[in-house]
Full PDB file with SEQRES, HELIX, SHEET, SSBOND, CRYST1, ORIGX, SCALE, CONECT and MASTER records, all heavy atoms in Angstrom:
SEQRES   1 A   37  PHE SER THR ALA ILE VAL GLU GLU VAL GLU PRO LEU LEU          
SEQRES   2 A   37  SER ILE LEU ARG GLU ARG GLY GLU ILE CYS ASN ILE SER          
SEQRES   3 A   37  ASP PHE GLN ALA ILE LYS LEU ILE SER SER THR                  
HELIX    1 AA1 SER A    2  GLU A   18  1                                  17    
HELIX    2 AA2 ASP A   27  SER A   36  1                                  10    
CRYST1    1.000    1.000    1.000  90.00  90.00  90.00 P 1           1          
ORIGX1      1.000000  0.000000  0.000000        0.00000                         
ORIGX2      0.000000  1.000000  0.000000        0.00000                         
ORIGX3      0.000000  0.000000  1.000000        0.00000                         
SCALE1      1.000000  0.000000  0.000000        0.00000                         
SCALE2      0.000000  1.000000  0.000000        0.00000                         
SCALE3      0.000000  0.000000  1.000000        0.00000                         
ATOM      1  N   PHE A   1    -126.838  -6.835-186.219  1.00  0.00           N  
ATOM      2  CA  PHE A   1    -126.363  -5.491-186.366  1.00  0.00           C  
ATOM      3  C   PHE A   1    -125.608  -5.336-187.681  1.00  0.00           C  
ATOM      4  O   PHE A   1    -125.804  -4.329-188.377  1.00  0.00           O  
ATOM      5  CB  PHE A   1    -125.484  -5.104-185.183  1.00  0.00           C  
ATOM      6  CG  PHE A   1    -126.242  -4.579-184.059  1.00  0.00           C  
ATOM      7  CD1 PHE A   1    -126.696  -5.450-183.082  1.00  0.00           C  
ATOM      8  CD2 PHE A   1    -126.604  -3.263-183.922  1.00  0.00           C  
ATOM      9  CE1 PHE A   1    -127.439  -5.050-181.983  1.00  0.00           C  
ATOM     10  CE2 PHE A   1    -127.358  -2.810-182.815  1.00  0.00           C  
ATOM     11  CZ  PHE A   1    -127.756  -3.687-181.841  1.00  0.00           C  
ATOM     12  N   SER A   2    -124.772  -6.329-187.995  1.00  0.00           N  
ATOM     13  CA  SER A   2    -124.033  -6.160-189.246  1.00  0.00           C  
ATOM     14  C   SER A   2    -124.920  -6.198-190.473  1.00  0.00           C  
ATOM     15  O   SER A   2    -124.760  -5.403-191.434  1.00  0.00           O  
ATOM     16  CB  SER A   2    -123.009  -7.322-189.364  1.00  0.00           C  
ATOM     17  OG  SER A   2    -123.651  -8.595-189.348  1.00  0.00           O  
ATOM     18  N   THR A   3    -125.947  -7.046-190.422  1.00  0.00           N  
ATOM     19  CA  THR A   3    -126.881  -7.116-191.548  1.00  0.00           C  
ATOM     20  C   THR A   3    -127.714  -5.839-191.704  1.00  0.00           C  
ATOM     21  O   THR A   3    -127.860  -5.291-192.741  1.00  0.00           O  
ATOM     22  CB  THR A   3    -127.902  -8.312-191.324  1.00  0.00           C  
ATOM     23  OG1 THR A   3    -127.130  -9.507-191.241  1.00  0.00           O  
ATOM     24  CG2 THR A   3    -128.864  -8.367-192.494  1.00  0.00           C  
ATOM     25  N   ALA A   4    -128.196  -5.356-190.561  1.00  0.00           N  
ATOM     26  CA  ALA A   4    -129.017  -4.122-190.564  1.00  0.00           C  
ATOM     27  C   ALA A   4    -128.192  -2.908-190.988  1.00  0.00           C  
ATOM     28  O   ALA A   4    -128.683  -2.135-191.828  1.00  0.00           O  
ATOM     29  CB  ALA A   4    -129.547  -3.852-189.145  1.00  0.00           C  
ATOM     30  N   ILE A   5    -126.991  -2.781-190.515  1.00  0.00           N  
ATOM     31  CA  ILE A   5    -126.159  -1.655-190.896  1.00  0.00           C  
ATOM     32  C   ILE A   5    -125.765  -1.689-192.348  1.00  0.00           C  
ATOM     33  O   ILE A   5    -125.826  -0.703-193.055  1.00  0.00           O  
ATOM     34  CB  ILE A   5    -124.904  -1.606-190.026  1.00  0.00           C  
ATOM     35  CG1 ILE A   5    -125.249  -1.247-188.569  1.00  0.00           C  
ATOM     36  CG2 ILE A   5    -123.881  -0.588-190.540  1.00  0.00           C  
ATOM     37  CD1 ILE A   5    -124.096  -1.314-187.612  1.00  0.00           C  
ATOM     38  N   VAL A   6    -125.380  -2.896-192.842  1.00  0.00           N  
ATOM     39  CA  VAL A   6    -125.001  -2.975-194.253  1.00  0.00           C  
ATOM     40  C   VAL A   6    -126.119  -2.649-195.214  1.00  0.00           C  
ATOM     41  O   VAL A   6    -126.000  -1.889-196.148  1.00  0.00           O  
ATOM     42  CB  VAL A   6    -124.452  -4.420-194.588  1.00  0.00           C  
ATOM     43  CG1 VAL A   6    -124.323  -4.617-196.072  1.00  0.00           C  
ATOM     44  CG2 VAL A   6    -123.096  -4.599-193.898  1.00  0.00           C  
ATOM     45  N   GLU A   7    -127.351  -3.209-194.917  1.00  0.00           N  
ATOM     46  CA  GLU A   7    -128.525  -2.987-195.716  1.00  0.00           C  
ATOM     47  C   GLU A   7    -128.907  -1.494-195.721  1.00  0.00           C  
ATOM     48  O   GLU A   7    -129.322  -1.011-196.775  1.00  0.00           O  
ATOM     49  CB  GLU A   7    -129.681  -3.828-195.190  1.00  0.00           C  
ATOM     50  CG  GLU A   7    -129.510  -5.314-195.443  1.00  0.00           C  
ATOM     51  CD  GLU A   7    -130.682  -6.148-194.926  1.00  0.00           C  
ATOM     52  OE1 GLU A   7    -131.534  -5.506-194.233  1.00  0.00           O  
ATOM     53  OE2 GLU A   7    -130.753  -7.332-195.207  1.00  0.00           O  
ATOM     54  N   GLU A   8    -128.797  -0.818-194.612  1.00  0.00           N  
ATOM     55  CA  GLU A   8    -129.248   0.556-194.527  1.00  0.00           C  
ATOM     56  C   GLU A   8    -128.139   1.534-194.960  1.00  0.00           C  
ATOM     57  O   GLU A   8    -128.468   2.594-195.554  1.00  0.00           O  
ATOM     58  CB  GLU A   8    -129.655   0.874-193.080  1.00  0.00           C  
ATOM     59  CG  GLU A   8    -130.842   0.046-192.601  1.00  0.00           C  
ATOM     60  CD  GLU A   8    -132.167   0.437-193.230  1.00  0.00           C  
ATOM     61  OE1 GLU A   8    -132.200   1.442-193.947  1.00  0.00           O  
ATOM     62  OE2 GLU A   8    -133.155  -0.311-192.994  1.00  0.00           O  
ATOM     63  N   VAL A   9    -126.891   1.286-194.559  1.00  0.00           N  
ATOM     64  CA  VAL A   9    -125.860   2.278-194.793  1.00  0.00           C  
ATOM     65  C   VAL A   9    -125.163   2.083-196.152  1.00  0.00           C  
ATOM     66  O   VAL A   9    -124.597   3.082-196.677  1.00  0.00           O  
ATOM     67  CB  VAL A   9    -124.825   2.203-193.610  1.00  0.00           C  
ATOM     68  CG1 VAL A   9    -123.676   3.157-193.847  1.00  0.00           C  
ATOM     69  CG2 VAL A   9    -125.523   2.525-192.295  1.00  0.00           C  
ATOM     70  N   GLU A  10    -125.105   0.866-196.638  1.00  0.00           N  
ATOM     71  CA  GLU A  10    -124.388   0.621-197.882  1.00  0.00           C  
ATOM     72  C   GLU A  10    -124.807   1.514-199.028  1.00  0.00           C  
ATOM     73  O   GLU A  10    -123.917   2.076-199.742  1.00  0.00           O  
ATOM     74  CB  GLU A  10    -124.569  -0.849-198.271  1.00  0.00           C  
ATOM     75  CG  GLU A  10    -123.653  -1.304-199.416  1.00  0.00           C  
ATOM     76  CD  GLU A  10    -123.803  -2.761-199.735  1.00  0.00           C  
ATOM     77  OE1 GLU A  10    -124.942  -3.250-199.764  1.00  0.00           O  
ATOM     78  OE2 GLU A  10    -122.776  -3.433-199.946  1.00  0.00           O  
ATOM     79  N   PRO A  11    -126.106   1.734-199.225  1.00  0.00           N  
ATOM     80  CA  PRO A  11    -126.483   2.684-200.343  1.00  0.00           C  
ATOM     81  C   PRO A  11    -125.933   4.078-200.122  1.00  0.00           C  
ATOM     82  O   PRO A  11    -125.556   4.720-201.122  1.00  0.00           O  
ATOM     83  CB  PRO A  11    -128.039   2.682-200.236  1.00  0.00           C  
ATOM     84  CG  PRO A  11    -128.354   1.389-199.606  1.00  0.00           C  
ATOM     85  CD  PRO A  11    -127.297   1.108-198.597  1.00  0.00           C  
ATOM     86  N   LEU A  12    -125.932   4.553-198.855  1.00  0.00           N  
ATOM     87  CA  LEU A  12    -125.365   5.923-198.634  1.00  0.00           C  
ATOM     88  C   LEU A  12    -123.867   5.940-198.933  1.00  0.00           C  
ATOM     89  O   LEU A  12    -123.382   6.927-199.522  1.00  0.00           O  
ATOM     90  CB  LEU A  12    -125.620   6.252-197.137  1.00  0.00           C  
ATOM     91  CG  LEU A  12    -127.039   6.608-196.754  1.00  0.00           C  
ATOM     92  CD1 LEU A  12    -127.100   6.786-195.222  1.00  0.00           C  
ATOM     93  CD2 LEU A  12    -127.474   7.834-197.439  1.00  0.00           C  
ATOM     94  N   LEU A  13    -123.138   4.919-198.502  1.00  0.00           N  
ATOM     95  CA  LEU A  13    -121.753   4.836-198.780  1.00  0.00           C  
ATOM     96  C   LEU A  13    -121.438   4.777-200.262  1.00  0.00           C  
ATOM     97  O   LEU A  13    -120.462   5.416-200.776  1.00  0.00           O  
ATOM     98  CB  LEU A  13    -121.110   3.660-198.091  1.00  0.00           C  
ATOM     99  CG  LEU A  13    -121.100   3.665-196.552  1.00  0.00           C  
ATOM    100  CD1 LEU A  13    -120.534   2.354-195.988  1.00  0.00           C  
ATOM    101  CD2 LEU A  13    -120.284   4.830-196.035  1.00  0.00           C  
ATOM    102  N   SER A  14    -122.263   4.061-201.032  1.00  0.00           N  
ATOM    103  CA  SER A  14    -122.102   3.983-202.445  1.00  0.00           C  
ATOM    104  C   SER A  14    -122.265   5.324-203.137  1.00  0.00           C  
ATOM    105  O   SER A  14    -121.515   5.671-204.018  1.00  0.00           O  
ATOM    106  CB  SER A  14    -123.113   2.945-203.052  1.00  0.00           C  
ATOM    107  OG  SER A  14    -122.902   1.670-202.546  1.00  0.00           O  
ATOM    108  N   ILE A  15    -123.293   6.081-202.698  1.00  0.00           N  
ATOM    109  CA  ILE A  15    -123.527   7.389-203.244  1.00  0.00           C  
ATOM    110  C   ILE A  15    -122.380   8.335-202.913  1.00  0.00           C  
ATOM    111  O   ILE A  15    -121.914   9.114-203.787  1.00  0.00           O  
ATOM    112  CB  ILE A  15    -124.834   7.969-202.755  1.00  0.00           C  
ATOM    113  CG1 ILE A  15    -126.044   7.149-203.270  1.00  0.00           C  
ATOM    114  CG2 ILE A  15    -125.002   9.423-203.122  1.00  0.00           C  
ATOM    115  CD1 ILE A  15    -127.365   7.507-202.697  1.00  0.00           C  
ATOM    116  N   LEU A  16    -121.915   8.301-201.673  1.00  0.00           N  
ATOM    117  CA  LEU A  16    -120.786   9.114-201.264  1.00  0.00           C  
ATOM    118  C   LEU A  16    -119.551   8.820-202.050  1.00  0.00           C  
ATOM    119  O   LEU A  16    -118.767   9.658-202.408  1.00  0.00           O  
ATOM    120  CB  LEU A  16    -120.567   8.983-199.778  1.00  0.00           C  
ATOM    121  CG  LEU A  16    -121.586   9.592-198.812  1.00  0.00           C  
ATOM    122  CD1 LEU A  16    -121.274   9.160-197.366  1.00  0.00           C  
ATOM    123  CD2 LEU A  16    -121.661  11.094-198.966  1.00  0.00           C  
ATOM    124  N   ARG A  17    -119.405   7.488-202.342  1.00  0.00           N  
ATOM    125  CA  ARG A  17    -118.231   7.027-203.111  1.00  0.00           C  
ATOM    126  C   ARG A  17    -118.317   7.546-204.542  1.00  0.00           C  
ATOM    127  O   ARG A  17    -117.357   7.985-205.149  1.00  0.00           O  
ATOM    128  CB  ARG A  17    -118.160   5.518-203.082  1.00  0.00           C  
ATOM    129  CG  ARG A  17    -116.773   4.947-203.440  1.00  0.00           C  
ATOM    130  CD  ARG A  17    -116.773   3.437-203.223  1.00  0.00           C  
ATOM    131  NE  ARG A  17    -116.730   3.062-201.791  1.00  0.00           N  
ATOM    132  CZ  ARG A  17    -117.673   2.456-201.156  1.00  0.00           C  
ATOM    133  NH1 ARG A  17    -118.798   2.098-201.747  1.00  0.00           N  
ATOM    134  NH2 ARG A  17    -117.540   2.170-199.899  1.00  0.00           N  
ATOM    135  N   GLU A  18    -119.527   7.521-205.110  1.00  0.00           N  
ATOM    136  CA  GLU A  18    -119.718   7.971-206.497  1.00  0.00           C  
ATOM    137  C   GLU A  18    -119.514   9.501-206.595  1.00  0.00           C  
ATOM    138  O   GLU A  18    -119.074   9.999-207.640  1.00  0.00           O  
ATOM    139  CB  GLU A  18    -121.158   7.629-206.961  1.00  0.00           C  
ATOM    140  CG  GLU A  18    -121.393   6.161-207.192  1.00  0.00           C  
ATOM    141  CD  GLU A  18    -122.849   5.843-207.494  1.00  0.00           C  
ATOM    142  OE1 GLU A  18    -123.623   6.790-207.600  1.00  0.00           O  
ATOM    143  OE2 GLU A  18    -123.155   4.661-207.672  1.00  0.00           O  
ATOM    144  N   ARG A  19    -119.839  10.212-205.504  1.00  0.00           N  
ATOM    145  CA  ARG A  19    -119.677  11.639-205.513  1.00  0.00           C  
ATOM    146  C   ARG A  19    -118.232  12.034-205.206  1.00  0.00           C  
ATOM    147  O   ARG A  19    -117.896  13.199-205.130  1.00  0.00           O  
ATOM    148  CB  ARG A  19    -120.614  12.299-204.444  1.00  0.00           C  
ATOM    149  CG  ARG A  19    -122.041  12.132-204.846  1.00  0.00           C  
ATOM    150  CD  ARG A  19    -123.030  13.033-204.064  1.00  0.00           C  
ATOM    151  NE  ARG A  19    -122.716  13.262-202.649  1.00  0.00           N  
ATOM    152  CZ  ARG A  19    -123.672  13.524-201.760  1.00  0.00           C  
ATOM    153  NH1 ARG A  19    -124.937  13.553-202.094  1.00  0.00           N  
ATOM    154  NH2 ARG A  19    -123.331  13.775-200.493  1.00  0.00           N  
ATOM    155  N   GLY A  20    -117.410  11.040-204.897  1.00  0.00           N  
ATOM    156  CA  GLY A  20    -115.996  11.280-204.660  1.00  0.00           C  
ATOM    157  C   GLY A  20    -115.736  11.825-203.266  1.00  0.00           C  
ATOM    158  O   GLY A  20    -114.701  12.351-203.012  1.00  0.00           O  
ATOM    159  N   GLU A  21    -116.662  11.616-202.313  1.00  0.00           N  
ATOM    160  CA  GLU A  21    -116.492  12.104-200.941  1.00  0.00           C  
ATOM    161  C   GLU A  21    -115.716  11.165-200.083  1.00  0.00           C  
ATOM    162  O   GLU A  21    -115.264  11.561-199.026  1.00  0.00           O  
ATOM    163  CB  GLU A  21    -117.907  12.449-200.349  1.00  0.00           C  
ATOM    164  CG  GLU A  21    -118.542  13.641-200.942  1.00  0.00           C  
ATOM    165  CD  GLU A  21    -119.646  14.175-200.023  1.00  0.00           C  
ATOM    166  OE1 GLU A  21    -119.377  14.416-198.814  1.00  0.00           O  
ATOM    167  OE2 GLU A  21    -120.771  14.379-200.500  1.00  0.00           O  
ATOM    168  N   ILE A  22    -115.686   9.887-200.455  1.00  0.00           N  
ATOM    169  CA  ILE A  22    -114.907   8.947-199.673  1.00  0.00           C  
ATOM    170  C   ILE A  22    -114.024   8.122-200.606  1.00  0.00           C  
ATOM    171  O   ILE A  22    -114.310   7.962-201.823  1.00  0.00           O  
ATOM    172  CB  ILE A  22    -115.796   7.994-198.841  1.00  0.00           C  
ATOM    173  CG1 ILE A  22    -116.699   7.138-199.750  1.00  0.00           C  
ATOM    174  CG2 ILE A  22    -116.637   8.795-197.877  1.00  0.00           C  
ATOM    175  CD1 ILE A  22    -117.486   6.062-198.984  1.00  0.00           C  
ATOM    176  N   CYS A  23    -112.973   7.564-200.093  1.00  0.00           N  
ATOM    177  CA  CYS A  23    -112.056   6.764-200.875  1.00  0.00           C  
ATOM    178  C   CYS A  23    -112.654   5.395-201.159  1.00  0.00           C  
ATOM    179  O   CYS A  23    -113.726   5.046-200.667  1.00  0.00           O  
ATOM    180  CB  CYS A  23    -110.731   6.629-200.172  1.00  0.00           C  
ATOM    181  SG  CYS A  23    -110.838   5.777-198.551  1.00  0.00           S  
ATOM    182  N   ASN A  24    -111.935   4.565-201.846  1.00  0.00           N  
ATOM    183  CA  ASN A  24    -112.441   3.241-202.221  1.00  0.00           C  
ATOM    184  C   ASN A  24    -112.248   2.262-201.046  1.00  0.00           C  
ATOM    185  O   ASN A  24    -111.586   1.208-201.249  1.00  0.00           O  
ATOM    186  CB  ASN A  24    -111.750   2.776-203.513  1.00  0.00           C  
ATOM    187  CG  ASN A  24    -112.433   1.541-204.075  1.00  0.00           C  
ATOM    188  OD1 ASN A  24    -113.658   1.363-203.919  1.00  0.00           O  
ATOM    189  ND2 ASN A  24    -111.679   0.713-204.777  1.00  0.00           N  
ATOM    190  N   ILE A  25    -112.785   2.585-199.923  1.00  0.00           N  
ATOM    191  CA  ILE A  25    -112.702   1.702-198.760  1.00  0.00           C  
ATOM    192  C   ILE A  25    -113.953   0.801-198.734  1.00  0.00           C  
ATOM    193  O   ILE A  25    -115.031   1.208-199.150  1.00  0.00           O  
ATOM    194  CB  ILE A  25    -112.596   2.575-197.473  1.00  0.00           C  
ATOM    195  CG1 ILE A  25    -112.319   1.715-196.264  1.00  0.00           C  
ATOM    196  CG2 ILE A  25    -113.847   3.430-197.255  1.00  0.00           C  
ATOM    197  CD1 ILE A  25    -112.093   2.479-194.963  1.00  0.00           C  
ATOM    198  N   SER A  26    -113.794  -0.395-198.268  1.00  0.00           N  
ATOM    199  CA  SER A  26    -114.918  -1.328-198.183  1.00  0.00           C  
ATOM    200  C   SER A  26    -115.904  -0.812-197.127  1.00  0.00           C  
ATOM    201  O   SER A  26    -115.558  -0.105-196.202  1.00  0.00           O  
ATOM    202  CB  SER A  26    -114.430  -2.748-197.848  1.00  0.00           C  
ATOM    203  OG  SER A  26    -113.985  -2.811-196.500  1.00  0.00           O  
ATOM    204  N   ASP A  27    -117.186  -1.232-197.299  1.00  0.00           N  
ATOM    205  CA  ASP A  27    -118.188  -0.828-196.352  1.00  0.00           C  
ATOM    206  C   ASP A  27    -117.869  -1.388-194.965  1.00  0.00           C  
ATOM    207  O   ASP A  27    -118.058  -0.726-193.924  1.00  0.00           O  
ATOM    208  CB  ASP A  27    -119.582  -1.397-196.824  1.00  0.00           C  
ATOM    209  CG  ASP A  27    -120.013  -0.750-198.112  1.00  0.00           C  
ATOM    210  OD1 ASP A  27    -119.615   0.395-198.378  1.00  0.00           O  
ATOM    211  OD2 ASP A  27    -120.844  -1.328-198.822  1.00  0.00           O  
ATOM    212  N   PHE A  28    -117.350  -2.598-194.942  1.00  0.00           N  
ATOM    213  CA  PHE A  28    -116.993  -3.235-193.655  1.00  0.00           C  
ATOM    214  C   PHE A  28    -115.965  -2.392-192.947  1.00  0.00           C  
ATOM    215  O   PHE A  28    -116.092  -2.144-191.731  1.00  0.00           O  
ATOM    216  CB  PHE A  28    -116.472  -4.643-193.910  1.00  0.00           C  
ATOM    217  CG  PHE A  28    -115.950  -5.294-192.640  1.00  0.00           C  
ATOM    218  CD1 PHE A  28    -116.790  -5.852-191.740  1.00  0.00           C  
ATOM    219  CD2 PHE A  28    -114.547  -5.342-192.411  1.00  0.00           C  
ATOM    220  CE1 PHE A  28    -116.305  -6.461-190.566  1.00  0.00           C  
ATOM    221  CE2 PHE A  28    -114.077  -5.957-191.264  1.00  0.00           C  
ATOM    222  CZ  PHE A  28    -114.938  -6.502-190.316  1.00  0.00           C  
ATOM    223  N   GLN A  29    -114.933  -1.965-193.635  1.00  0.00           N  
ATOM    224  CA  GLN A  29    -113.865  -1.188-193.007  1.00  0.00           C  
ATOM    225  C   GLN A  29    -114.355   0.192-192.543  1.00  0.00           C  
ATOM    226  O   GLN A  29    -113.985   0.688-191.511  1.00  0.00           O  
ATOM    227  CB  GLN A  29    -112.677  -1.049-193.985  1.00  0.00           C  
ATOM    228  CG  GLN A  29    -111.878  -2.330-194.233  1.00  0.00           C  
ATOM    229  CD  GLN A  29    -111.242  -2.852-192.999  1.00  0.00           C  
ATOM    230  OE1 GLN A  29    -110.854  -2.083-192.086  1.00  0.00           O  
ATOM    231  NE2 GLN A  29    -111.102  -4.181-192.889  1.00  0.00           N  
ATOM    232  N   ALA A  30    -115.248   0.766-193.385  1.00  0.00           N  
ATOM    233  CA  ALA A  30    -115.816   2.058-193.021  1.00  0.00           C  
ATOM    234  C   ALA A  30    -116.635   1.999-191.739  1.00  0.00           C  
ATOM    235  O   ALA A  30    -116.489   2.837-190.833  1.00  0.00           O  
ATOM    236  CB  ALA A  30    -116.667   2.598-194.175  1.00  0.00           C  
ATOM    237  N   ILE A  31    -117.502   0.976-191.681  1.00  0.00           N  
ATOM    238  CA  ILE A  31    -118.324   0.750-190.496  1.00  0.00           C  
ATOM    239  C   ILE A  31    -117.500   0.467-189.261  1.00  0.00           C  
ATOM    240  O   ILE A  31    -117.743   0.905-188.153  1.00  0.00           O  
ATOM    241  CB  ILE A  31    -119.373  -0.333-190.785  1.00  0.00           C  
ATOM    242  CG1 ILE A  31    -120.342   0.144-191.821  1.00  0.00           C  
ATOM    243  CG2 ILE A  31    -120.107  -0.681-189.473  1.00  0.00           C  
ATOM    244  CD1 ILE A  31    -121.280  -0.979-192.315  1.00  0.00           C  
ATOM    245  N   LYS A  32    -116.456  -0.375-189.460  1.00  0.00           N  
ATOM    246  CA  LYS A  32    -115.553  -0.745-188.387  1.00  0.00           C  
ATOM    247  C   LYS A  32    -114.824   0.510-187.840  1.00  0.00           C  
ATOM    248  O   LYS A  32    -114.701   0.668-186.637  1.00  0.00           O  
ATOM    249  CB  LYS A  32    -114.520  -1.749-188.916  1.00  0.00           C  
ATOM    250  CG  LYS A  32    -113.545  -2.221-187.830  1.00  0.00           C  
ATOM    251  CD  LYS A  32    -112.531  -3.222-188.410  1.00  0.00           C  
ATOM    252  CE  LYS A  32    -111.578  -3.695-187.393  1.00  0.00           C  
ATOM    253  NZ  LYS A  32    -110.606  -4.691-187.976  1.00  0.00           N  
ATOM    254  N   LEU A  33    -114.435   1.382-188.709  1.00  0.00           N  
ATOM    255  CA  LEU A  33    -113.714   2.613-188.351  1.00  0.00           C  
ATOM    256  C   LEU A  33    -114.630   3.533-187.539  1.00  0.00           C  
ATOM    257  O   LEU A  33    -114.261   4.026-186.430  1.00  0.00           O  
ATOM    258  CB  LEU A  33    -113.203   3.369-189.590  1.00  0.00           C  
ATOM    259  CG  LEU A  33    -112.601   4.740-189.335  1.00  0.00           C  
ATOM    260  CD1 LEU A  33    -111.358   4.660-188.509  1.00  0.00           C  
ATOM    261  CD2 LEU A  33    -112.261   5.408-190.727  1.00  0.00           C  
ATOM    262  N   ILE A  34    -115.891   3.685-188.003  1.00  0.00           N  
ATOM    263  CA  ILE A  34    -116.792   4.533-187.293  1.00  0.00           C  
ATOM    264  C   ILE A  34    -117.150   3.949-185.926  1.00  0.00           C  
ATOM    265  O   ILE A  34    -117.199   4.625-184.933  1.00  0.00           O  
ATOM    266  CB  ILE A  34    -118.091   4.716-188.146  1.00  0.00           C  
ATOM    267  CG1 ILE A  34    -117.786   5.482-189.420  1.00  0.00           C  
ATOM    268  CG2 ILE A  34    -119.205   5.440-187.361  1.00  0.00           C  
ATOM    269  CD1 ILE A  34    -118.906   5.497-190.428  1.00  0.00           C  
ATOM    270  N   SER A  35    -117.407   2.654-185.900  1.00  0.00           N  
ATOM    271  CA  SER A  35    -117.775   1.941-184.646  1.00  0.00           C  
ATOM    272  C   SER A  35    -116.639   2.046-183.613  1.00  0.00           C  
ATOM    273  O   SER A  35    -116.898   2.332-182.455  1.00  0.00           O  
ATOM    274  CB  SER A  35    -118.105   0.479-184.959  1.00  0.00           C  
ATOM    275  OG  SER A  35    -119.179   0.364-185.807  1.00  0.00           O  
ATOM    276  N   SER A  36    -115.417   1.788-184.054  1.00  0.00           N  
ATOM    277  CA  SER A  36    -114.293   1.815-183.135  1.00  0.00           C  
ATOM    278  C   SER A  36    -114.098   3.251-182.579  1.00  0.00           C  
ATOM    279  O   SER A  36    -113.686   3.449-181.400  1.00  0.00           O  
ATOM    280  CB  SER A  36    -113.010   1.355-183.794  1.00  0.00           C  
ATOM    281  OG  SER A  36    -112.656   2.183-184.907  1.00  0.00           O  
ATOM    282  N   THR A  37    -114.397   4.264-183.379  1.00  0.00           N  
ATOM    283  CA  THR A  37    -114.245   5.647-182.957  1.00  0.00           C  
ATOM    284  C   THR A  37    -115.269   5.966-181.878  1.00  0.00           C  
ATOM    285  O   THR A  37    -114.945   6.611-180.855  1.00  0.00           O  
ATOM    286  CB  THR A  37    -114.425   6.611-184.151  1.00  0.00           C  
ATOM    287  OG1 THR A  37    -113.384   6.385-185.117  1.00  0.00           O  
ATOM    288  CG2 THR A  37    -114.283   8.075-183.679  1.00  0.00           C  
TER     289      THR A  37                                                      
MASTER        0    0    0    2    0    0    0    6  288    1    0    3          
END                                                                             
């Protein structure tokens, strides 16, 4: 699950980060936050 999520979601998070929509949080922490919610 961690491999699949990172491979698929990381590019989206990078684009959102470049567009300034999210802070400089690591992908791991972002996925952990979403999962725990």
